[in-house]
Full PDB file with SEQRES, HELIX, SHEET, SSBOND, CRYST1, ORIGX, SCALE, CONECT and MASTER records, all heavy atoms in Angstrom:
SEQRES   1 A   35  ARG LEU GLN TYR LEU ARG LEU VAL LYS HIS GLY GLU PHE          
SEQRES   2 A   35  PRO ALA ALA GLU LEU ILE MET PRO THR GLY SER ASP LEU          
SEQRES   3 A   35  GLY SER LEU GLY LYS LEU CYS GLY TRP                          
HELIX    1 AA1 LEU A    2  TYR A    4  1                                   3    
HELIX    2 AA2 LEU A    5  LYS A    9  3                                   5    
HELIX    3 AA3 ALA A   15  GLU A   17  5                                   3    
HELIX    4 AA4 LEU A   26  GLY A   34  1                                   9    
CRYST1    1.000    1.000    1.000  90.00  90.00  90.00 P 1           1          
ORIGX1      1.000000  0.000000  0.000000        0.00000                         
ORIGX2      0.000000  1.000000  0.000000        0.00000                         
ORIGX3      0.000000  0.000000  1.000000        0.00000                         
SCALE1      1.000000  0.000000  0.000000        0.00000                         
SCALE2      0.000000  1.000000  0.000000        0.00000                         
SCALE3      0.000000  0.000000  1.000000        0.00000                         
ATOM      1  N   ARG A   1     -18.444  15.243 -44.592  1.00  0.00           N  
ATOM      2  CA  ARG A   1     -18.177  14.680 -43.261  1.00  0.00           C  
ATOM      3  C   ARG A   1     -17.947  13.176 -43.354  1.00  0.00           C  
ATOM      4  O   ARG A   1     -17.005  12.640 -42.775  1.00  0.00           O  
ATOM      5  CB  ARG A   1     -19.329  14.960 -42.303  1.00  0.00           C  
ATOM      6  CG  ARG A   1     -19.046  14.424 -40.911  1.00  0.00           C  
ATOM      7  CD  ARG A   1     -20.118  14.867 -39.925  1.00  0.00           C  
ATOM      8  NE  ARG A   1     -19.774  14.456 -38.586  1.00  0.00           N  
ATOM      9  CZ  ARG A   1     -20.110  13.288 -38.045  1.00  0.00           C  
ATOM     10  NH1 ARG A   1     -20.816  12.422 -38.748  1.00  0.00           N  
ATOM     11  NH2 ARG A   1     -19.754  12.980 -36.825  1.00  0.00           N  
ATOM     12  N   LEU A   2     -18.798  12.489 -44.095  1.00  0.00           N  
ATOM     13  CA  LEU A   2     -18.633  11.043 -44.247  1.00  0.00           C  
ATOM     14  C   LEU A   2     -17.324  10.702 -44.956  1.00  0.00           C  
ATOM     15  O   LEU A   2     -16.631   9.758 -44.570  1.00  0.00           O  
ATOM     16  CB  LEU A   2     -19.823  10.452 -45.003  1.00  0.00           C  
ATOM     17  CG  LEU A   2     -21.144  10.454 -44.246  1.00  0.00           C  
ATOM     18  CD1 LEU A   2     -22.289  10.029 -45.161  1.00  0.00           C  
ATOM     19  CD2 LEU A   2     -21.071   9.563 -43.029  1.00  0.00           C  
ATOM     20  N   GLN A   3     -16.963  11.469 -45.994  1.00  0.00           N  
ATOM     21  CA  GLN A   3     -15.702  11.237 -46.689  1.00  0.00           C  
ATOM     22  C   GLN A   3     -14.521  11.447 -45.748  1.00  0.00           C  
ATOM     23  O   GLN A   3     -13.569  10.669 -45.753  1.00  0.00           O  
ATOM     24  CB  GLN A   3     -15.569  12.173 -47.888  1.00  0.00           C  
ATOM     25  CG  GLN A   3     -16.475  11.811 -49.030  1.00  0.00           C  
ATOM     26  CD  GLN A   3     -16.415  12.846 -50.143  1.00  0.00           C  
ATOM     27  OE1 GLN A   3     -16.129  14.010 -49.907  1.00  0.00           O  
ATOM     28  NE2 GLN A   3     -16.691  12.405 -51.352  1.00  0.00           N  
ATOM     29  N   TYR A   4     -14.563  12.503 -44.943  1.00  0.00           N  
ATOM     30  CA  TYR A   4     -13.487  12.799 -44.007  1.00  0.00           C  
ATOM     31  C   TYR A   4     -13.332  11.654 -42.999  1.00  0.00           C  
ATOM     32  O   TYR A   4     -12.226  11.201 -42.722  1.00  0.00           O  
ATOM     33  CB  TYR A   4     -13.768  14.106 -43.271  1.00  0.00           C  
ATOM     34  CG  TYR A   4     -12.613  14.614 -42.444  1.00  0.00           C  
ATOM     35  CD1 TYR A   4     -11.744  15.566 -42.958  1.00  0.00           C  
ATOM     36  CD2 TYR A   4     -12.381  14.144 -41.153  1.00  0.00           C  
ATOM     37  CE1 TYR A   4     -10.673  16.036 -42.211  1.00  0.00           C  
ATOM     38  CE2 TYR A   4     -11.318  14.610 -40.402  1.00  0.00           C  
ATOM     39  CZ  TYR A   4     -10.471  15.559 -40.930  1.00  0.00           C  
ATOM     40  OH  TYR A   4      -9.409  16.014 -40.184  1.00  0.00           O  
ATOM     41  N   LEU A   5     -14.441  11.192 -42.473  1.00  0.00           N  
ATOM     42  CA  LEU A   5     -14.388  10.090 -41.514  1.00  0.00           C  
ATOM     43  C   LEU A   5     -13.781   8.845 -42.149  1.00  0.00           C  
ATOM     44  O   LEU A   5     -12.939   8.165 -41.552  1.00  0.00           O  
ATOM     45  CB  LEU A   5     -15.779   9.783 -40.963  1.00  0.00           C  
ATOM     46  CG  LEU A   5     -16.396  10.853 -40.073  1.00  0.00           C  
ATOM     47  CD1 LEU A   5     -17.833  10.477 -39.719  1.00  0.00           C  
ATOM     48  CD2 LEU A   5     -15.574  11.077 -38.814  1.00  0.00           C  
ATOM     49  N   ARG A   6     -14.202   8.559 -43.368  1.00  0.00           N  
ATOM     50  CA  ARG A   6     -13.725   7.347 -44.048  1.00  0.00           C  
ATOM     51  C   ARG A   6     -12.248   7.455 -44.414  1.00  0.00           C  
ATOM     52  O   ARG A   6     -11.475   6.532 -44.187  1.00  0.00           O  
ATOM     53  CB  ARG A   6     -14.555   7.091 -45.310  1.00  0.00           C  
ATOM     54  CG  ARG A   6     -14.138   5.834 -46.068  1.00  0.00           C  
ATOM     55  CD  ARG A   6     -15.090   5.525 -47.203  1.00  0.00           C  
ATOM     56  NE  ARG A   6     -15.371   6.648 -48.050  1.00  0.00           N  
ATOM     57  CZ  ARG A   6     -14.659   6.981 -49.134  1.00  0.00           C  
ATOM     58  NH1 ARG A   6     -13.608   6.278 -49.474  1.00  0.00           N  
ATOM     59  NH2 ARG A   6     -15.012   8.002 -49.882  1.00  0.00           N  
ATOM     60  N   LEU A   7     -11.847   8.595 -44.978  1.00  0.00           N  
ATOM     61  CA  LEU A   7     -10.487   8.725 -45.494  1.00  0.00           C  
ATOM     62  C   LEU A   7      -9.458   9.142 -44.452  1.00  0.00           C  
ATOM     63  O   LEU A   7      -8.328   8.666 -44.466  1.00  0.00           O  
ATOM     64  CB  LEU A   7     -10.465   9.731 -46.651  1.00  0.00           C  
ATOM     65  CG  LEU A   7     -11.276   9.341 -47.872  1.00  0.00           C  
ATOM     66  CD1 LEU A   7     -11.328  10.492 -48.863  1.00  0.00           C  
ATOM     67  CD2 LEU A   7     -10.704   8.098 -48.523  1.00  0.00           C  
ATOM     68  N   VAL A   8      -9.830  10.056 -43.569  1.00  0.00           N  
ATOM     69  CA  VAL A   8      -8.864  10.609 -42.613  1.00  0.00           C  
ATOM     70  C   VAL A   8      -8.945   9.894 -41.268  1.00  0.00           C  
ATOM     71  O   VAL A   8      -7.955   9.374 -40.766  1.00  0.00           O  
ATOM     72  CB  VAL A   8      -9.058  12.134 -42.448  1.00  0.00           C  
ATOM     73  CG1 VAL A   8      -8.106  12.702 -41.413  1.00  0.00           C  
ATOM     74  CG2 VAL A   8      -8.867  12.843 -43.795  1.00  0.00           C  
ATOM     75  N   LYS A   9     -10.125   9.877 -40.659  1.00  0.00           N  
ATOM     76  CA  LYS A   9     -10.261   9.288 -39.326  1.00  0.00           C  
ATOM     77  C   LYS A   9     -10.063   7.768 -39.337  1.00  0.00           C  
ATOM     78  O   LYS A   9      -9.416   7.218 -38.460  1.00  0.00           O  
ATOM     79  CB  LYS A   9     -11.632   9.596 -38.730  1.00  0.00           C  
ATOM     80  CG  LYS A   9     -11.868  11.054 -38.446  1.00  0.00           C  
ATOM     81  CD  LYS A   9     -11.336  11.429 -37.102  1.00  0.00           C  
ATOM     82  CE  LYS A   9     -11.739  12.866 -36.813  1.00  0.00           C  
ATOM     83  NZ  LYS A   9     -11.380  13.318 -35.521  1.00  0.00           N  
ATOM     84  N   HIS A  10     -10.651   7.093 -40.322  1.00  0.00           N  
ATOM     85  CA  HIS A  10     -10.595   5.632 -40.363  1.00  0.00           C  
ATOM     86  C   HIS A  10      -9.717   5.116 -41.490  1.00  0.00           C  
ATOM     87  O   HIS A  10      -9.661   3.918 -41.730  1.00  0.00           O  
ATOM     88  CB  HIS A  10     -12.004   5.046 -40.491  1.00  0.00           C  
ATOM     89  CG  HIS A  10     -12.906   5.450 -39.384  1.00  0.00           C  
ATOM     90  ND1 HIS A  10     -12.772   4.970 -38.100  1.00  0.00           N  
ATOM     91  CD2 HIS A  10     -13.953   6.316 -39.344  1.00  0.00           C  
ATOM     92  CE1 HIS A  10     -13.691   5.509 -37.323  1.00  0.00           C  
ATOM     93  NE2 HIS A  10     -14.417   6.334 -38.053  1.00  0.00           N  
ATOM     94  N   GLY A  11      -9.057   6.009 -42.191  1.00  0.00           N  
ATOM     95  CA  GLY A  11      -8.188   5.622 -43.294  1.00  0.00           C  
ATOM     96  C   GLY A  11      -6.775   6.105 -43.037  1.00  0.00           C  
ATOM     97  O   GLY A  11      -6.396   6.374 -41.906  1.00  0.00           O  
ATOM     98  N   GLU A  12      -6.040   6.240 -44.102  1.00  0.00           N  
ATOM     99  CA  GLU A  12      -4.645   6.632 -43.973  1.00  0.00           C  
ATOM    100  C   GLU A  12      -4.341   7.932 -44.707  1.00  0.00           C  
ATOM    101  O   GLU A  12      -3.182   8.237 -44.960  1.00  0.00           O  
ATOM    102  CB  GLU A  12      -3.757   5.504 -44.491  1.00  0.00           C  
ATOM    103  CG  GLU A  12      -3.910   4.230 -43.684  1.00  0.00           C  
ATOM    104  CD  GLU A  12      -3.035   3.096 -44.183  1.00  0.00           C  
ATOM    105  OE1 GLU A  12      -2.209   3.316 -45.088  1.00  0.00           O  
ATOM    106  OE2 GLU A  12      -3.180   1.980 -43.664  1.00  0.00           O  
ATOM    107  N   PHE A  13      -5.361   8.712 -45.037  1.00  0.00           N  
ATOM    108  CA  PHE A  13      -5.130   9.962 -45.750  1.00  0.00           C  
ATOM    109  C   PHE A  13      -4.808  11.054 -44.733  1.00  0.00           C  
ATOM    110  O   PHE A  13      -5.603  11.298 -43.816  1.00  0.00           O  
ATOM    111  CB  PHE A  13      -6.365  10.356 -46.576  1.00  0.00           C  
ATOM    112  CG  PHE A  13      -6.097  11.459 -47.548  1.00  0.00           C  
ATOM    113  CD1 PHE A  13      -5.619  11.172 -48.808  1.00  0.00           C  
ATOM    114  CD2 PHE A  13      -6.316  12.783 -47.203  1.00  0.00           C  
ATOM    115  CE1 PHE A  13      -5.369  12.185 -49.720  1.00  0.00           C  
ATOM    116  CE2 PHE A  13      -6.068  13.805 -48.102  1.00  0.00           C  
ATOM    117  CZ  PHE A  13      -5.588  13.503 -49.364  1.00  0.00           C  
ATOM    118  N   PRO A  14      -3.665  11.733 -44.882  1.00  0.00           N  
ATOM    119  CA  PRO A  14      -3.302  12.784 -43.926  1.00  0.00           C  
ATOM    120  C   PRO A  14      -4.188  14.026 -44.081  1.00  0.00           C  
ATOM    121  O   PRO A  14      -4.330  14.555 -45.182  1.00  0.00           O  
ATOM    122  CB  PRO A  14      -1.855  13.121 -44.271  1.00  0.00           C  
ATOM    123  CG  PRO A  14      -1.419  12.155 -45.318  1.00  0.00           C  
ATOM    124  CD  PRO A  14      -2.628  11.486 -45.866  1.00  0.00           C  
ATOM    125  N   ALA A  15      -4.757  14.474 -42.982  1.00  0.00           N  
ATOM    126  CA  ALA A  15      -5.623  15.654 -43.018  1.00  0.00           C  
ATOM    127  C   ALA A  15      -4.891  16.872 -43.563  1.00  0.00           C  
ATOM    128  O   ALA A  15      -5.494  17.721 -44.224  1.00  0.00           O  
ATOM    129  CB  ALA A  15      -6.170  15.945 -41.631  1.00  0.00           C  
ATOM    130  N   ALA A  16      -3.609  16.962 -43.318  1.00  0.00           N  
ATOM    131  CA  ALA A  16      -2.820  18.111 -43.775  1.00  0.00           C  
ATOM    132  C   ALA A  16      -2.757  18.211 -45.297  1.00  0.00           C  
ATOM    133  O   ALA A  16      -2.489  19.279 -45.836  1.00  0.00           O  
ATOM    134  CB  ALA A  16      -1.414  18.030 -43.204  1.00  0.00           C  
ATOM    135  N   GLU A  17      -3.026  17.118 -45.982  1.00  0.00           N  
ATOM    136  CA  GLU A  17      -2.988  17.129 -47.442  1.00  0.00           C  
ATOM    137  C   GLU A  17      -4.323  17.530 -48.075  1.00  0.00           C  
ATOM    138  O   GLU A  17      -4.407  17.679 -49.286  1.00  0.00           O  
ATOM    139  CB  GLU A  17      -2.525  15.779 -47.973  1.00  0.00           C  
ATOM    140  CG  GLU A  17      -1.062  15.513 -47.657  1.00  0.00           C  
ATOM    141  CD  GLU A  17      -0.530  14.256 -48.310  1.00  0.00           C  
ATOM    142  OE1 GLU A  17      -1.107  13.805 -49.322  1.00  0.00           O  
ATOM    143  OE2 GLU A  17       0.453  13.718 -47.798  1.00  0.00           O  
ATOM    144  N   LEU A  18      -5.355  17.689 -47.263  1.00  0.00           N  
ATOM    145  CA  LEU A  18      -6.629  18.164 -47.800  1.00  0.00           C  
ATOM    146  C   LEU A  18      -6.470  19.607 -48.262  1.00  0.00           C  
ATOM    147  O   LEU A  18      -5.905  20.434 -47.547  1.00  0.00           O  
ATOM    148  CB  LEU A  18      -7.728  18.099 -46.731  1.00  0.00           C  
ATOM    149  CG  LEU A  18      -8.190  16.728 -46.298  1.00  0.00           C  
ATOM    150  CD1 LEU A  18      -9.142  16.863 -45.119  1.00  0.00           C  
ATOM    151  CD2 LEU A  18      -8.857  15.999 -47.441  1.00  0.00           C  
ATOM    152  N   ILE A  19      -6.960  19.890 -49.420  1.00  0.00           N  
ATOM    153  CA  ILE A  19      -6.897  21.255 -49.944  1.00  0.00           C  
ATOM    154  C   ILE A  19      -8.168  21.973 -49.510  1.00  0.00           C  
ATOM    155  O   ILE A  19      -9.274  21.591 -49.898  1.00  0.00           O  
ATOM    156  CB  ILE A  19      -6.754  21.257 -51.472  1.00  0.00           C  
ATOM    157  CG1 ILE A  19      -5.451  20.554 -51.852  1.00  0.00           C  
ATOM    158  CG2 ILE A  19      -6.800  22.672 -52.018  1.00  0.00           C  
ATOM    159  CD1 ILE A  19      -5.311  20.300 -53.333  1.00  0.00           C  
ATOM    160  N   MET A  20      -8.004  23.003 -48.700  1.00  0.00           N  
ATOM    161  CA  MET A  20      -9.150  23.761 -48.198  1.00  0.00           C  
ATOM    162  C   MET A  20      -9.831  24.508 -49.340  1.00  0.00           C  
ATOM    163  O   MET A  20      -9.150  25.139 -50.159  1.00  0.00           O  
ATOM    164  CB  MET A  20      -8.704  24.781 -47.148  1.00  0.00           C  
ATOM    165  CG  MET A  20      -8.244  24.194 -45.851  1.00  0.00           C  
ATOM    166  SD  MET A  20      -9.608  23.505 -44.896  1.00  0.00           S  
ATOM    167  CE  MET A  20      -8.994  21.860 -44.630  1.00  0.00           C  
ATOM    168  N   PRO A  21     -11.149  24.439 -49.409  1.00  0.00           N  
ATOM    169  CA  PRO A  21     -11.876  25.196 -50.424  1.00  0.00           C  
ATOM    170  C   PRO A  21     -11.638  26.698 -50.243  1.00  0.00           C  
ATOM    171  O   PRO A  21     -11.577  27.191 -49.118  1.00  0.00           O  
ATOM    172  CB  PRO A  21     -13.340  24.860 -50.149  1.00  0.00           C  
ATOM    173  CG  PRO A  21     -13.319  23.607 -49.361  1.00  0.00           C  
ATOM    174  CD  PRO A  21     -12.041  23.632 -48.589  1.00  0.00           C  
ATOM    175  N   THR A  22     -11.497  27.384 -51.341  1.00  0.00           N  
ATOM    176  CA  THR A  22     -11.268  28.832 -51.282  1.00  0.00           C  
ATOM    177  C   THR A  22     -12.455  29.616 -51.816  1.00  0.00           C  
ATOM    178  O   THR A  22     -12.488  30.832 -51.697  1.00  0.00           O  
ATOM    179  CB  THR A  22     -10.018  29.222 -52.075  1.00  0.00           C  
ATOM    180  OG1 THR A  22     -10.178  28.774 -53.433  1.00  0.00           O  
ATOM    181  CG2 THR A  22      -8.769  28.586 -51.477  1.00  0.00           C  
ATOM    182  N   GLY A  23     -13.431  28.938 -52.391  1.00  0.00           N  
ATOM    183  CA  GLY A  23     -14.575  29.618 -52.964  1.00  0.00           C  
ATOM    184  C   GLY A  23     -15.554  30.097 -51.909  1.00  0.00           C  
ATOM    185  O   GLY A  23     -15.497  29.698 -50.743  1.00  0.00           O  
ATOM    186  N   SER A  24     -16.448  30.952 -52.330  1.00  0.00           N  
ATOM    187  CA  SER A  24     -17.482  31.456 -51.421  1.00  0.00           C  
ATOM    188  C   SER A  24     -18.859  30.905 -51.798  1.00  0.00           C  
ATOM    189  O   SER A  24     -19.873  31.424 -51.367  1.00  0.00           O  
ATOM    190  CB  SER A  24     -17.501  32.983 -51.449  1.00  0.00           C  
ATOM    191  OG  SER A  24     -17.754  33.436 -52.759  1.00  0.00           O  
ATOM    192  N   ASP A  25     -18.862  29.837 -52.586  1.00  0.00           N  
ATOM    193  CA  ASP A  25     -20.119  29.218 -53.014  1.00  0.00           C  
ATOM    194  C   ASP A  25     -20.620  28.247 -51.940  1.00  0.00           C  
ATOM    195  O   ASP A  25     -19.899  27.894 -51.003  1.00  0.00           O  
ATOM    196  CB  ASP A  25     -19.907  28.485 -54.342  1.00  0.00           C  
ATOM    197  CG  ASP A  25     -18.840  27.415 -54.215  1.00  0.00           C  
ATOM    198  OD1 ASP A  25     -17.639  27.769 -54.081  1.00  0.00           O  
ATOM    199  OD2 ASP A  25     -19.189  26.222 -54.245  1.00  0.00           O  
ATOM    200  N   LEU A  26     -21.850  27.825 -52.071  1.00  0.00           N  
ATOM    201  CA  LEU A  26     -22.467  26.946 -51.077  1.00  0.00           C  
ATOM    202  C   LEU A  26     -21.814  25.570 -51.022  1.00  0.00           C  
ATOM    203  O   LEU A  26     -21.727  24.966 -49.949  1.00  0.00           O  
ATOM    204  CB  LEU A  26     -23.964  26.823 -51.339  1.00  0.00           C  
ATOM    205  CG  LEU A  26     -24.768  28.099 -51.084  1.00  0.00           C  
ATOM    206  CD1 LEU A  26     -26.202  27.934 -51.581  1.00  0.00           C  
ATOM    207  CD2 LEU A  26     -24.745  28.464 -49.610  1.00  0.00           C  
ATOM    208  N   GLY A  27     -21.319  25.082 -52.140  1.00  0.00           N  
ATOM    209  CA  GLY A  27     -20.628  23.795 -52.144  1.00  0.00           C  
ATOM    210  C   GLY A  27     -19.350  23.840 -51.324  1.00  0.00           C  
ATOM    211  O   GLY A  27     -19.056  22.927 -50.547  1.00  0.00           O  
ATOM    212  N   SER A  28     -18.583  24.910 -51.497  1.00  0.00           N  
ATOM    213  CA  SER A  28     -17.345  25.082 -50.717  1.00  0.00           C  
ATOM    214  C   SER A  28     -17.655  25.235 -49.235  1.00  0.00           C  
ATOM    215  O   SER A  28     -16.977  24.660 -48.380  1.00  0.00           O  
ATOM    216  CB  SER A  28     -16.571  26.306 -51.207  1.00  0.00           C  
ATOM    217  OG  SER A  28     -16.123  26.116 -52.524  1.00  0.00           O  
ATOM    218  N   LEU A  29     -18.684  25.990 -48.920  1.00  0.00           N  
ATOM    219  CA  LEU A  29     -19.087  26.166 -47.535  1.00  0.00           C  
ATOM    220  C   LEU A  29     -19.487  24.822 -46.920  1.00  0.00           C  
ATOM    221  O   LEU A  29     -19.093  24.497 -45.799  1.00  0.00           O  
ATOM    222  CB  LEU A  29     -20.253  27.148 -47.427  1.00  0.00           C  
ATOM    223  CG  LEU A  29     -20.792  27.365 -46.010  1.00  0.00           C  
ATOM    224  CD1 LEU A  29     -19.757  28.099 -45.159  1.00  0.00           C  
ATOM    225  CD2 LEU A  29     -22.094  28.134 -46.044  1.00  0.00           C  
ATOM    226  N   GLY A  30     -20.235  24.036 -47.661  1.00  0.00           N  
ATOM    227  CA  GLY A  30     -20.653  22.732 -47.180  1.00  0.00           C  
ATOM    228  C   GLY A  30     -19.481  21.813 -46.903  1.00  0.00           C  
ATOM    229  O   GLY A  30     -19.450  21.103 -45.897  1.00  0.00           O  
ATOM    230  N   LYS A  31     -18.495  21.836 -47.792  1.00  0.00           N  
ATOM    231  CA  LYS A  31     -17.312  21.002 -47.583  1.00  0.00           C  
ATOM    232  C   LYS A  31     -16.603  21.402 -46.296  1.00  0.00           C  
ATOM    233  O   LYS A  31     -16.229  20.558 -45.484  1.00  0.00           O  
ATOM    234  CB  LYS A  31     -16.365  21.107 -48.770  1.00  0.00           C  
ATOM    235  CG  LYS A  31     -15.184  20.153 -48.687  1.00  0.00           C  
ATOM    236  CD  LYS A  31     -14.437  20.108 -49.986  1.00  0.00           C  
ATOM    237  CE  LYS A  31     -15.261  19.305 -50.972  1.00  0.00           C  
ATOM    238  NZ  LYS A  31     -14.590  18.989 -52.206  1.00  0.00           N  
ATOM    239  N   LEU A  32     -16.423  22.691 -46.085  1.00  0.00           N  
ATOM    240  CA  LEU A  32     -15.782  23.163 -44.850  1.00  0.00           C  
ATOM    241  C   LEU A  32     -16.590  22.755 -43.621  1.00  0.00           C  
ATOM    242  O   LEU A  32     -16.025  22.329 -42.609  1.00  0.00           O  
ATOM    243  CB  LEU A  32     -15.613  24.683 -44.886  1.00  0.00           C  
ATOM    244  CG  LEU A  32     -14.535  25.225 -45.815  1.00  0.00           C  
ATOM    245  CD1 LEU A  32     -14.617  26.743 -45.886  1.00  0.00           C  
ATOM    246  CD2 LEU A  32     -13.154  24.780 -45.360  1.00  0.00           C  
ATOM    247  N   CYS A  33     -17.903  22.879 -43.701  1.00  0.00           N  
ATOM    248  CA  CYS A  33     -18.765  22.495 -42.573  1.00  0.00           C  
ATOM    249  C   CYS A  33     -18.634  21.012 -42.262  1.00  0.00           C  
ATOM    250  O   CYS A  33     -18.551  20.621 -41.095  1.00  0.00           O  
ATOM    251  CB  CYS A  33     -20.220  22.826 -42.881  1.00  0.00           C  
ATOM    252  SG  CYS A  33     -20.603  24.570 -42.899  1.00  0.00           S  
ATOM    253  N   GLY A  34     -18.627  20.187 -43.300  1.00  0.00           N  
ATOM    254  CA  GLY A  34     -18.499  18.740 -43.094  1.00  0.00           C  
ATOM    255  C   GLY A  34     -17.178  18.366 -42.466  1.00  0.00           C  
ATOM    256  O   GLY A  34     -17.119  17.557 -41.536  1.00  0.00           O  
ATOM    257  N   TRP A  35     -16.105  18.968 -42.963  1.00  0.00           N  
ATOM    258  CA  TRP A  35     -14.782  18.678 -42.406  1.00  0.00           C  
ATOM    259  C   TRP A  35     -14.673  19.194 -40.977  1.00  0.00           C  
ATOM    260  O   TRP A  35     -14.099  18.537 -40.123  1.00  0.00           O  
ATOM    261  CB  TRP A  35     -13.685  19.266 -43.277  1.00  0.00           C  
ATOM    262  CG  TRP A  35     -13.541  18.591 -44.615  1.00  0.00           C  
ATOM    263  CD1 TRP A  35     -14.162  17.450 -45.036  1.00  0.00           C  
ATOM    264  CD2 TRP A  35     -12.732  19.023 -45.696  1.00  0.00           C  
ATOM    265  NE1 TRP A  35     -13.780  17.153 -46.332  1.00  0.00           N  
ATOM    266  CE2 TRP A  35     -12.906  18.097 -46.760  1.00  0.00           C  
ATOM    267  CE3 TRP A  35     -11.889  20.105 -45.902  1.00  0.00           C  
ATOM    268  CZ2 TRP A  35     -12.246  18.220 -47.972  1.00  0.00           C  
ATOM    269  CZ3 TRP A  35     -11.231  20.218 -47.114  1.00  0.00           C  
ATOM    270  CH2 TRP A  35     -11.404  19.291 -48.147  1.00  0.00           C  
TER     271      TRP A  35                                                      
MASTER        0    0    0    4    0    0    0    6  270    1    0    3          
END                                                                             
């Protein structure tokens, strides 16, 4: 969540270029939750 805010919301990184996690592990789930 903090990375998304820094890079996408307050930066210039396009959200469309984020690669969505495809795994079913807890790390991938956490990334999706944060975003």
